[in-house]
Amino acid sequence: MAITALPPDTDADITRVTEALAMITPRWNVRILLALSGPPQRYSELAAKVSWLQSGQLHPKLKSLCDAGLVERTEHTARHVTYGRTERGEALLPVLPVIVTWAEKHLETADRPLPAIEQIEDGLTLLTRRHAASILWVLKTRQVVGAMALARIVMPSSDWTNVYPPLRQLVADGLVDTEGNGRPYQLSAAGDGLGPVLGALSAWSAGQPLSQAAQHPVWGHTQAQPAPKSWSSSQPRPVPAALPQTRTLEIFPAWHNRDLFSRATPARPKAAIPAGGPRR
């Protein structure tokens, strides 16, 4: 549990989202989950789909995803082992297009559109910065906050000046605005626009249906939420089936796994990115 001066319910919510981000943000994790579409696959079948991974990289990635409860390993015989997404891993998929929608609107774009998978990875990286979730939560609820007051809420056990490095990073990423040294901080348009993303991540990490995202007490419309349920990596994998239609809301656009790889990955621009906008 994070040590903050936030209310216990809020602190628990931020902790769940932070832990969820730590599960899915590491490089290649989302791509591996997407490659596991359909029936469970043998290691060799999956390795052929993620051929960009060097020898020895896939196994530890699969182990971490199994430990997180997103992938299930089934040993049929000593020589026949398959991997497939768990129910929790399946439930994550509708969160991904929400991140894409936010990234397309608020992140700088290259000369050519980036594949959605890169938009997802870039967006997740910004949110996984140290103390980012806590700072974003406080700024959303308090609107405008000075650095010292923010530090006393986000990191009450530390020297208050330790809040400056994460704040500077969030300003550089374009999620937080300030008028200069000594001036208070507030969410930028991009930071405020994270509502659907953080609401969806909160619902998913709490084991709630994604329809609860719009009812998040901070990032949505304040309403009572059902008690969260626990997830475990040993949870049985359901029979592969399409996700319920009730999860496709207006904030979750229609989207298919193949859309993530529908465009070739362009070269990243080498020129410095102008200040003032969100950064990758």
C-alpha atoms as a PDB file:
ATOM      1  CA  MET A   1       0.000   0.000   0.000  1.00  0.00           C
ATOM      2  CA  ALA A   2       1.279   3.446  -0.866  1.00  0.00           C
ATOM      3  CA  ILE A   3       2.117   5.769   2.037  1.00  0.00           C
ATOM      4  CA  THR A   4       0.230   8.991   1.348  1.00  0.00           C
ATOM      5  CA  ALA A   5      -2.012  11.407   3.196  1.00  0.00           C
ATOM      6  CA  LEU A   6      -4.888  10.608   0.859  1.00  0.00           C
ATOM      7  CA  PRO A   7      -8.136   9.034   2.120  1.00  0.00           C
ATOM      8  CA  PRO A   8      -7.805   5.235   2.472  1.00  0.00           C
ATOM      9  CA  ASP A   9     -10.219   4.474  -0.388  1.00  0.00           C
ATOM     10  CA  THR A  10      -8.391   6.841  -2.729  1.00  0.00           C
ATOM     11  CA  ASP A  11      -4.998   5.527  -1.645  1.00  0.00           C
ATOM     12  CA  ALA A  12      -6.137   1.949  -2.308  1.00  0.00           C
ATOM     13  CA  ASP A  13      -7.484   2.957  -5.722  1.00  0.00           C
ATOM     14  CA  ILE A  14      -4.205   4.617  -6.710  1.00  0.00           C
ATOM     15  CA  THR A  15      -2.231   1.615  -5.465  1.00  0.00           C
ATOM     16  CA  ARG A  16      -4.306  -0.797  -7.550  1.00  0.00           C
ATOM     17  CA  VAL A  17      -3.880   1.326 -10.679  1.00  0.00           C
ATOM     18  CA  THR A  18      -0.134   1.693 -10.052  1.00  0.00           C
ATOM     19  CA  GLU A  19       0.226  -2.073  -9.656  1.00  0.00           C
ATOM     20  CA  ALA A  20      -1.845  -2.680 -12.789  1.00  0.00           C
ATOM     21  CA  LEU A  21       0.398  -0.347 -14.779  1.00  0.00           C
ATOM     22  CA  ALA A  22       3.470  -2.159 -13.464  1.00  0.00           C
ATOM     23  CA  MET A  23       2.028  -5.418 -14.844  1.00  0.00           C
ATOM     24  CA  ILE A  24       1.241  -4.266 -18.357  1.00  0.00           C
ATOM     25  CA  THR A  25       3.716  -1.447 -19.115  1.00  0.00           C
ATOM     26  CA  PRO A  26       7.001  -3.420 -19.388  1.00  0.00           C
ATOM     27  CA  ARG A  27       8.179  -3.645 -22.982  1.00  0.00           C
ATOM     28  CA  TRP A  28       6.457  -6.292 -25.144  1.00  0.00           C
ATOM     29  CA  ASN A  29       3.885  -7.282 -22.512  1.00  0.00           C
ATOM     30  CA  VAL A  30       0.905  -5.830 -24.375  1.00  0.00           C
ATOM     31  CA  ARG A  31       2.142  -7.246 -27.678  1.00  0.00           C
ATOM     32  CA  ILE A  32       2.456 -10.728 -26.169  1.00  0.00           C
ATOM     33  CA  LEU A  33      -1.063 -10.511 -24.739  1.00  0.00           C
ATOM     34  CA  LEU A  34      -2.420  -9.543 -28.149  1.00  0.00           C
ATOM     35  CA  ALA A  35      -0.476 -12.331 -29.841  1.00  0.00           C
ATOM     36  CA  LEU A  36      -2.216 -14.811 -27.511  1.00  0.00           C
ATOM     37  CA  SER A  37      -5.575 -14.260 -29.198  1.00  0.00           C
ATOM     38  CA  GLY A  38      -7.643 -17.350 -29.927  1.00  0.00           C
ATOM     39  CA  PRO A  39      -7.113 -20.825 -28.447  1.00  0.00           C
ATOM     40  CA  PRO A  40      -4.130 -21.506 -26.136  1.00  0.00           C
ATOM     41  CA  GLN A  41      -0.844 -21.748 -28.029  1.00  0.00           C
ATOM     42  CA  ARG A  42       2.318 -23.754 -27.665  1.00  0.00           C
ATOM     43  CA  TYR A  43       5.519 -21.848 -26.937  1.00  0.00           C
ATOM     44  CA  SER A  44       6.832 -22.328 -30.470  1.00  0.00           C
ATOM     45  CA  GLU A  45       3.585 -20.995 -31.979  1.00  0.00           C
ATOM     46  CA  LEU A  46       3.690 -17.881 -29.821  1.00  0.00           C
ATOM     47  CA  ALA A  47       7.408 -17.356 -30.444  1.00  0.00           C
ATOM     48  CA  ALA A  48       6.731 -17.310 -34.197  1.00  0.00           C
ATOM     49  CA  LYS A  49       4.203 -14.493 -33.692  1.00  0.00           C
ATOM     50  CA  VAL A  50       6.611 -12.370 -31.637  1.00  0.00           C
ATOM     51  CA  SER A  51       9.697 -13.119 -33.680  1.00  0.00           C
ATOM     52  CA  TRP A  52      11.229  -9.725 -32.891  1.00  0.00           C
ATOM     53  CA  LEU A  53      12.009 -11.002 -29.379  1.00  0.00           C
ATOM     54  CA  GLN A  54      15.511 -12.382 -29.115  1.00  0.00           C
ATOM     55  CA  SER A  55      16.156 -15.919 -27.923  1.00  0.00           C
ATOM     56  CA  GLY A  56      15.548 -16.184 -24.191  1.00  0.00           C
ATOM     57  CA  GLN A  57      13.403 -13.046 -23.901  1.00  0.00           C
ATOM     58  CA  LEU A  58       9.968 -14.619 -24.294  1.00  0.00           C
ATOM     59  CA  HIS A  59      10.118 -17.105 -21.422  1.00  0.00           C
ATOM     60  CA  PRO A  60      10.690 -14.555 -18.598  1.00  0.00           C
ATOM     61  CA  LYS A  61       8.021 -12.315 -20.118  1.00  0.00           C
ATOM     62  CA  LEU A  62       5.523 -15.174 -20.092  1.00  0.00           C
ATOM     63  CA  LYS A  63       6.444 -16.033 -16.508  1.00  0.00           C
ATOM     64  CA  SER A  64       5.827 -12.452 -15.338  1.00  0.00           C
ATOM     65  CA  LEU A  65       2.481 -12.346 -17.167  1.00  0.00           C
ATOM     66  CA  CYS A  66       1.505 -15.676 -15.568  1.00  0.00           C
ATOM     67  CA  ASP A  67       2.533 -14.366 -12.142  1.00  0.00           C
ATOM     68  CA  ALA A  68       0.374 -11.288 -12.755  1.00  0.00           C
ATOM     69  CA  GLY A  69      -2.628 -13.466 -13.559  1.00  0.00           C
ATOM     70  CA  LEU A  70      -2.897 -12.259 -17.162  1.00  0.00           C
ATOM     71  CA  VAL A  71      -1.684 -15.466 -18.832  1.00  0.00           C
ATOM     72  CA  GLU A  72      -2.261 -19.081 -17.852  1.00  0.00           C
ATOM     73  CA  ARG A  73       0.260 -21.864 -18.457  1.00  0.00           C
ATOM     74  CA  THR A  74      -1.268 -25.316 -18.920  1.00  0.00           C
ATOM     75  CA  GLU A  75       0.970 -28.386 -18.825  1.00  0.00           C
ATOM     76  CA  HIS A  76      -0.795 -31.160 -20.737  1.00  0.00           C
ATOM     77  CA  THR A  77       2.276 -33.422 -20.767  1.00  0.00           C
ATOM     78  CA  ALA A  78       5.974 -32.852 -20.154  1.00  0.00           C
ATOM     79  CA  ARG A  79       6.353 -31.973 -23.848  1.00  0.00           C
ATOM     80  CA  HIS A  80       3.011 -30.305 -24.414  1.00  0.00           C
ATOM     81  CA  VAL A  81       2.569 -26.921 -22.677  1.00  0.00           C
ATOM     82  CA  THR A  82       0.221 -24.185 -23.844  1.00  0.00           C
ATOM     83  CA  TYR A  83      -0.284 -20.540 -22.965  1.00  0.00           C
ATOM     84  CA  GLY A  84      -3.479 -18.506 -23.152  1.00  0.00           C
ATOM     85  CA  ARG A  85      -5.000 -15.365 -21.740  1.00  0.00           C
ATOM     86  CA  THR A  86      -6.867 -15.647 -18.445  1.00  0.00           C
ATOM     87  CA  GLU A  87     -10.211 -13.970 -17.835  1.00  0.00           C
ATOM     88  CA  ARG A  88      -8.327 -11.065 -16.363  1.00  0.00           C
ATOM     89  CA  GLY A  89      -6.119 -10.810 -19.431  1.00  0.00           C
ATOM     90  CA  GLU A  90      -9.199 -10.868 -21.680  1.00  0.00           C
ATOM     91  CA  ALA A  91     -10.837  -8.136 -19.606  1.00  0.00           C
ATOM     92  CA  LEU A  92      -7.848  -5.863 -20.203  1.00  0.00           C
ATOM     93  CA  LEU A  93      -8.373  -5.720 -23.969  1.00  0.00           C
ATOM     94  CA  PRO A  94     -11.238  -3.151 -23.964  1.00  0.00           C
ATOM     95  CA  VAL A  95      -9.001  -0.784 -21.959  1.00  0.00           C
ATOM     96  CA  LEU A  96      -6.462  -0.590 -24.793  1.00  0.00           C
ATOM     97  CA  PRO A  97      -8.563   1.350 -27.345  1.00  0.00           C
ATOM     98  CA  VAL A  98      -9.338   3.916 -24.627  1.00  0.00           C
ATOM     99  CA  ILE A  99      -5.599   4.570 -24.330  1.00  0.00           C
ATOM    100  CA  VAL A 100      -5.312   4.811 -28.118  1.00  0.00           C
ATOM    101  CA  THR A 101      -8.128   7.383 -28.287  1.00  0.00           C
ATOM    102  CA  TRP A 102      -6.423   9.542 -25.651  1.00  0.00           C
ATOM    103  CA  ALA A 103      -2.971   9.191 -27.251  1.00  0.00           C
ATOM    104  CA  GLU A 104      -4.195  10.123 -30.721  1.00  0.00           C
ATOM    105  CA  LYS A 105      -5.702  13.307 -29.329  1.00  0.00           C
ATOM    106  CA  HIS A 106      -3.036  14.408 -26.872  1.00  0.00           C
ATOM    107  CA  LEU A 107       0.354  12.962 -27.823  1.00  0.00           C
ATOM    108  CA  GLU A 108       2.429  14.538 -30.568  1.00  0.00           C
ATOM    109  CA  THR A 109       2.148  12.695 -33.814  1.00  0.00           C
ATOM    110  CA  ALA A 110       4.985  11.817 -36.137  1.00  0.00           C
ATOM    111  CA  ASP A 111       4.981  12.672 -39.843  1.00  0.00           C
ATOM    112  CA  ARG A 112       2.994   9.489 -40.381  1.00  0.00           C
ATOM    113  CA  PRO A 113       0.449   7.985 -37.961  1.00  0.00           C
ATOM    114  CA  LEU A 114       1.926   5.502 -35.516  1.00  0.00           C
ATOM    115  CA  PRO A 115       0.471   2.025 -35.078  1.00  0.00           C
ATOM    116  CA  ALA A 116      -1.990   1.870 -32.201  1.00  0.00           C
ATOM    117  CA  ILE A 117       0.285  -0.531 -30.314  1.00  0.00           C
ATOM    118  CA  GLU A 118       2.939   2.189 -30.073  1.00  0.00           C
ATOM    119  CA  GLN A 119       0.344   4.708 -28.927  1.00  0.00           C
ATOM    120  CA  ILE A 120      -0.596   2.279 -26.145  1.00  0.00           C
ATOM    121  CA  GLU A 121       3.005   1.689 -25.095  1.00  0.00           C
ATOM    122  CA  ASP A 122       3.833   5.400 -25.091  1.00  0.00           C
ATOM    123  CA  GLY A 123       0.736   6.292 -23.079  1.00  0.00           C
ATOM    124  CA  LEU A 124       1.378   3.574 -20.498  1.00  0.00           C
ATOM    125  CA  THR A 125       4.986   4.708 -20.103  1.00  0.00           C
ATOM    126  CA  LEU A 126       3.885   8.240 -19.182  1.00  0.00           C
ATOM    127  CA  LEU A 127       1.472   6.949 -16.554  1.00  0.00           C
ATOM    128  CA  THR A 128       4.042   4.646 -14.962  1.00  0.00           C
ATOM    129  CA  ARG A 129       6.384   7.471 -13.931  1.00  0.00           C
ATOM    130  CA  ARG A 130       7.181   7.449 -10.210  1.00  0.00           C
ATOM    131  CA  HIS A 131       4.384   9.097  -8.162  1.00  0.00           C
ATOM    132  CA  ALA A 132       2.567  10.004 -11.391  1.00  0.00           C
ATOM    133  CA  ALA A 133      -0.754   8.416 -10.414  1.00  0.00           C
ATOM    134  CA  SER A 134      -0.840  10.058  -6.975  1.00  0.00           C
ATOM    135  CA  ILE A 135       0.022  13.482  -8.351  1.00  0.00           C
ATOM    136  CA  LEU A 136      -2.570  13.242 -11.120  1.00  0.00           C
ATOM    137  CA  TRP A 137      -5.251  12.172  -8.620  1.00  0.00           C
ATOM    138  CA  VAL A 138      -4.502  15.100  -6.285  1.00  0.00           C
ATOM    139  CA  LEU A 139      -4.426  17.676  -9.070  1.00  0.00           C
ATOM    140  CA  LYS A 140      -7.716  16.363 -10.435  1.00  0.00           C
ATOM    141  CA  THR A 141      -9.420  16.711  -7.048  1.00  0.00           C
ATOM    142  CA  ARG A 142      -7.716  19.927  -5.860  1.00  0.00           C
ATOM    143  CA  GLN A 143      -7.458  21.670  -9.268  1.00  0.00           C
ATOM    144  CA  VAL A 144      -4.493  23.969  -8.420  1.00  0.00           C
ATOM    145  CA  VAL A 145      -1.902  22.946  -5.803  1.00  0.00           C
ATOM    146  CA  GLY A 146       1.475  24.289  -4.691  1.00  0.00           C
ATOM    147  CA  ALA A 147       4.492  21.993  -4.601  1.00  0.00           C
ATOM    148  CA  MET A 148       4.770  21.896  -0.795  1.00  0.00           C
ATOM    149  CA  ALA A 149       1.073  21.125  -0.273  1.00  0.00           C
ATOM    150  CA  LEU A 150       1.222  18.518  -3.010  1.00  0.00           C
ATOM    151  CA  ALA A 151       4.260  16.856  -1.414  1.00  0.00           C
ATOM    152  CA  ARG A 152       2.549  16.651   1.988  1.00  0.00           C
ATOM    153  CA  ILE A 153      -0.305  14.736   0.364  1.00  0.00           C
ATOM    154  CA  VAL A 154       1.619  12.528  -2.055  1.00  0.00           C
ATOM    155  CA  MET A 155       4.775  11.800  -0.034  1.00  0.00           C
ATOM    156  CA  PRO A 156       4.189  12.866   3.583  1.00  0.00           C
ATOM    157  CA  SER A 157       7.115  10.824   4.927  1.00  0.00           C
ATOM    158  CA  SER A 158       9.704  12.398   2.607  1.00  0.00           C
ATOM    159  CA  ASP A 159      11.366  15.779   2.371  1.00  0.00           C
ATOM    160  CA  TRP A 160       8.858  17.916   0.503  1.00  0.00           C
ATOM    161  CA  THR A 161      11.421  18.973  -2.117  1.00  0.00           C
ATOM    162  CA  ASN A 162      11.444  15.370  -3.390  1.00  0.00           C
ATOM    163  CA  VAL A 163       8.209  16.178  -5.193  1.00  0.00           C
ATOM    164  CA  TYR A 164      10.018  18.331  -7.750  1.00  0.00           C
ATOM    165  CA  PRO A 165      11.622  15.581  -9.908  1.00  0.00           C
ATOM    166  CA  PRO A 166       8.306  13.790 -10.624  1.00  0.00           C
ATOM    167  CA  LEU A 167       6.575  17.134 -11.128  1.00  0.00           C
ATOM    168  CA  ARG A 168       9.206  18.275 -13.614  1.00  0.00           C
ATOM    169  CA  GLN A 169       8.836  14.986 -15.479  1.00  0.00           C
ATOM    170  CA  LEU A 170       5.045  15.315 -15.654  1.00  0.00           C
ATOM    171  CA  VAL A 171       5.417  18.887 -16.922  1.00  0.00           C
ATOM    172  CA  ALA A 172       7.907  17.676 -19.549  1.00  0.00           C
ATOM    173  CA  ASP A 173       5.478  14.902 -20.516  1.00  0.00           C
ATOM    174  CA  GLY A 174       2.743  17.484 -20.991  1.00  0.00           C
ATOM    175  CA  LEU A 175       0.391  16.095 -18.331  1.00  0.00           C
ATOM    176  CA  VAL A 176       0.875  18.926 -15.804  1.00  0.00           C
ATOM    177  CA  ASP A 177       1.147  22.697 -16.251  1.00  0.00           C
ATOM    178  CA  THR A 178       2.776  25.451 -14.195  1.00  0.00           C
ATOM    179  CA  GLU A 179       3.571  29.102 -14.858  1.00  0.00           C
ATOM    180  CA  GLY A 180       7.092  28.751 -13.504  1.00  0.00           C
ATOM    181  CA  ASN A 181       9.257  28.134 -10.430  1.00  0.00           C
ATOM    182  CA  GLY A 182       7.367  28.674  -7.209  1.00  0.00           C
ATOM    183  CA  ARG A 183       4.035  28.733  -8.991  1.00  0.00           C
ATOM    184  CA  PRO A 184       1.285  26.164  -8.316  1.00  0.00           C
ATOM    185  CA  TYR A 185       0.600  23.170 -10.537  1.00  0.00           C
ATOM    186  CA  GLN A 186      -2.500  21.969 -12.341  1.00  0.00           C
ATOM    187  CA  LEU A 187      -3.463  19.360 -14.901  1.00  0.00           C
ATOM    188  CA  SER A 188      -2.911  20.219 -18.548  1.00  0.00           C
ATOM    189  CA  ALA A 189      -5.583  19.451 -21.122  1.00  0.00           C
ATOM    190  CA  ALA A 190      -3.808  16.145 -21.790  1.00  0.00           C
ATOM    191  CA  GLY A 191      -3.683  15.314 -18.081  1.00  0.00           C
ATOM    192  CA  ASP A 192      -7.322  16.173 -17.556  1.00  0.00           C
ATOM    193  CA  GLY A 193      -8.192  14.135 -20.647  1.00  0.00           C
ATOM    194  CA  LEU A 194      -6.879  10.994 -18.938  1.00  0.00           C
ATOM    195  CA  GLY A 195     -10.226  10.544 -17.191  1.00  0.00           C
ATOM    196  CA  PRO A 196     -11.495   7.661 -19.372  1.00  0.00           C
ATOM    197  CA  VAL A 197      -8.073   5.953 -19.294  1.00  0.00           C
ATOM    198  CA  LEU A 198      -7.562   6.111 -15.537  1.00  0.00           C
ATOM    199  CA  GLY A 199     -11.213   5.324 -14.886  1.00  0.00           C
ATOM    200  CA  ALA A 200     -10.947   2.224 -17.077  1.00  0.00           C
ATOM    201  CA  LEU A 201      -7.678   1.128 -15.445  1.00  0.00           C
ATOM    202  CA  SER A 202      -9.234   1.630 -12.015  1.00  0.00           C
ATOM    203  CA  ALA A 203     -12.256  -0.483 -12.906  1.00  0.00           C
ATOM    204  CA  TRP A 204     -10.144  -3.233 -14.455  1.00  0.00           C
ATOM    205  CA  SER A 205      -7.643  -3.354 -11.571  1.00  0.00           C
ATOM    206  CA  ALA A 206     -10.533  -3.614  -9.073  1.00  0.00           C
ATOM    207  CA  GLY A 207     -12.153  -6.451 -11.009  1.00  0.00           C
ATOM    208  CA  GLN A 208     -15.174  -4.320 -11.914  1.00  0.00           C
ATOM    209  CA  PRO A 209     -16.901  -4.139 -15.314  1.00  0.00           C
ATOM    210  CA  LEU A 210     -15.557  -1.327 -17.463  1.00  0.00           C
ATOM    211  CA  SER A 211     -18.974   0.304 -17.386  1.00  0.00           C
ATOM    212  CA  GLN A 212     -17.912   1.514 -13.913  1.00  0.00           C
ATOM    213  CA  ALA A 213     -15.216   3.734 -15.449  1.00  0.00           C
ATOM    214  CA  ALA A 214     -17.672   6.559 -16.119  1.00  0.00           C
ATOM    215  CA  GLN A 215     -18.740   6.403 -12.469  1.00  0.00           C
ATOM    216  CA  HIS A 216     -15.274   6.776 -10.977  1.00  0.00           C
ATOM    217  CA  PRO A 217     -15.395   9.228  -8.019  1.00  0.00           C
ATOM    218  CA  VAL A 218     -12.442  11.248  -9.353  1.00  0.00           C
ATOM    219  CA  TRP A 219     -12.226  10.584 -13.088  1.00  0.00           C
ATOM    220  CA  GLY A 220     -15.895  10.031 -13.822  1.00  0.00           C
ATOM    221  CA  HIS A 221     -19.285  10.821 -12.316  1.00  0.00           C
ATOM    222  CA  THR A 222     -19.391  10.282  -8.556  1.00  0.00           C
ATOM    223  CA  GLN A 223     -21.545   7.283  -7.717  1.00  0.00           C
ATOM    224  CA  ALA A 224     -21.288   4.332  -5.402  1.00  0.00           C
ATOM    225  CA  GLN A 225     -19.121   1.542  -6.758  1.00  0.00           C
ATOM    226  CA  PRO A 226     -19.485  -2.187  -6.050  1.00  0.00           C
ATOM    227  CA  ALA A 227     -16.873  -3.780  -3.823  1.00  0.00           C
ATOM    228  CA  PRO A 228     -13.760  -4.875  -5.764  1.00  0.00           C
ATOM    229  CA  LYS A 229     -13.003  -8.563  -6.149  1.00  0.00           C
ATOM    230  CA  SER A 230      -9.641 -10.235  -5.941  1.00  0.00           C
ATOM    231  CA  TRP A 231      -7.816 -11.785  -8.883  1.00  0.00           C
ATOM    232  CA  SER A 232      -5.316 -14.597  -8.794  1.00  0.00           C
ATOM    233  CA  SER A 233      -3.072 -16.189 -11.386  1.00  0.00           C
ATOM    234  CA  SER A 234      -4.668 -19.550 -10.654  1.00  0.00           C
ATOM    235  CA  GLN A 235      -8.115 -18.392 -11.735  1.00  0.00           C
ATOM    236  CA  PRO A 236      -9.401 -20.832 -14.412  1.00  0.00           C
ATOM    237  CA  ARG A 237      -9.355 -19.641 -17.986  1.00  0.00           C
ATOM    238  CA  PRO A 238     -12.821 -19.367 -19.558  1.00  0.00           C
ATOM    239  CA  VAL A 239     -13.814 -20.894 -22.852  1.00  0.00           C
ATOM    240  CA  PRO A 240     -12.658 -18.391 -25.531  1.00  0.00           C
ATOM    241  CA  ALA A 241     -15.555 -16.189 -26.493  1.00  0.00           C
ATOM    242  CA  ALA A 242     -16.265 -12.667 -27.596  1.00  0.00           C
ATOM    243  CA  LEU A 243     -16.366 -10.109 -24.810  1.00  0.00           C
ATOM    244  CA  PRO A 244     -19.905  -9.131 -23.732  1.00  0.00           C
ATOM    245  CA  GLN A 245     -21.406  -6.372 -25.796  1.00  0.00           C
ATOM    246  CA  THR A 246     -22.208  -4.448 -22.638  1.00  0.00           C
ATOM    247  CA  ARG A 247     -18.511  -3.597 -22.368  1.00  0.00           C
ATOM    248  CA  THR A 248     -18.577  -1.665 -25.625  1.00  0.00           C
ATOM    249  CA  LEU A 249     -19.687   1.761 -24.512  1.00  0.00           C
ATOM    250  CA  GLU A 250     -19.437   5.104 -26.154  1.00  0.00           C
ATOM    251  CA  ILE A 251     -16.111   5.706 -24.406  1.00  0.00           C
ATOM    252  CA  PHE A 252     -14.744   2.393 -25.677  1.00  0.00           C
ATOM    253  CA  PRO A 253     -14.664   2.603 -29.501  1.00  0.00           C
ATOM    254  CA  ALA A 254     -15.028  -0.448 -31.698  1.00  0.00           C
ATOM    255  CA  TRP A 255     -11.579  -1.925 -32.188  1.00  0.00           C
ATOM    256  CA  HIS A 256      -9.907  -5.194 -33.173  1.00  0.00           C
ATOM    257  CA  ASN A 257      -6.510  -6.657 -32.339  1.00  0.00           C
ATOM    258  CA  ARG A 258      -5.430  -6.527 -35.979  1.00  0.00           C
ATOM    259  CA  ASP A 259      -5.841  -2.730 -35.961  1.00  0.00           C
ATOM    260  CA  LEU A 260      -2.770  -2.428 -33.723  1.00  0.00           C
ATOM    261  CA  PHE A 261      -0.462  -3.668 -36.449  1.00  0.00           C
ATOM    262  CA  SER A 262      -2.303  -2.228 -39.441  1.00  0.00           C
ATOM    263  CA  ARG A 263       0.373   0.331 -40.222  1.00  0.00           C
ATOM    264  CA  ALA A 264       4.104  -0.023 -40.632  1.00  0.00           C
ATOM    265  CA  THR A 265       6.131   1.423 -37.784  1.00  0.00           C
ATOM    266  CA  PRO A 266       7.619   4.717 -38.988  1.00  0.00           C
ATOM    267  CA  ALA A 267      11.026   6.002 -38.032  1.00  0.00           C
ATOM    268  CA  ARG A 268      10.988   8.246 -34.990  1.00  0.00           C
ATOM    269  CA  PRO A 269      11.777  11.911 -35.748  1.00  0.00           C
ATOM    270  CA  LYS A 270      15.330  12.771 -34.725  1.00  0.00           C
ATOM    271  CA  ALA A 271      14.678  16.473 -34.251  1.00  0.00           C
ATOM    272  CA  ALA A 272      14.091  17.734 -30.718  1.00  0.00           C
ATOM    273  CA  ILE A 273      10.435  17.869 -29.726  1.00  0.00           C
ATOM    274  CA  PRO A 274       9.210  21.432 -29.055  1.00  0.00           C
ATOM    275  CA  ALA A 275       8.471  22.249 -25.434  1.00  0.00           C
ATOM    276  CA  GLY A 276       4.901  22.550 -24.273  1.00  0.00           C
ATOM    277  CA  GLY A 277       3.330  19.367 -25.600  1.00  0.00           C
ATOM    278  CA  PRO A 278       3.121  15.818 -24.280  1.00  0.00           C
ATOM    279  CA  ARG A 279       6.207  13.762 -24.950  1.00  0.00           C
ATOM    280  CA  ARG A 280       6.707  10.118 -25.635  1.00  0.00           C
END
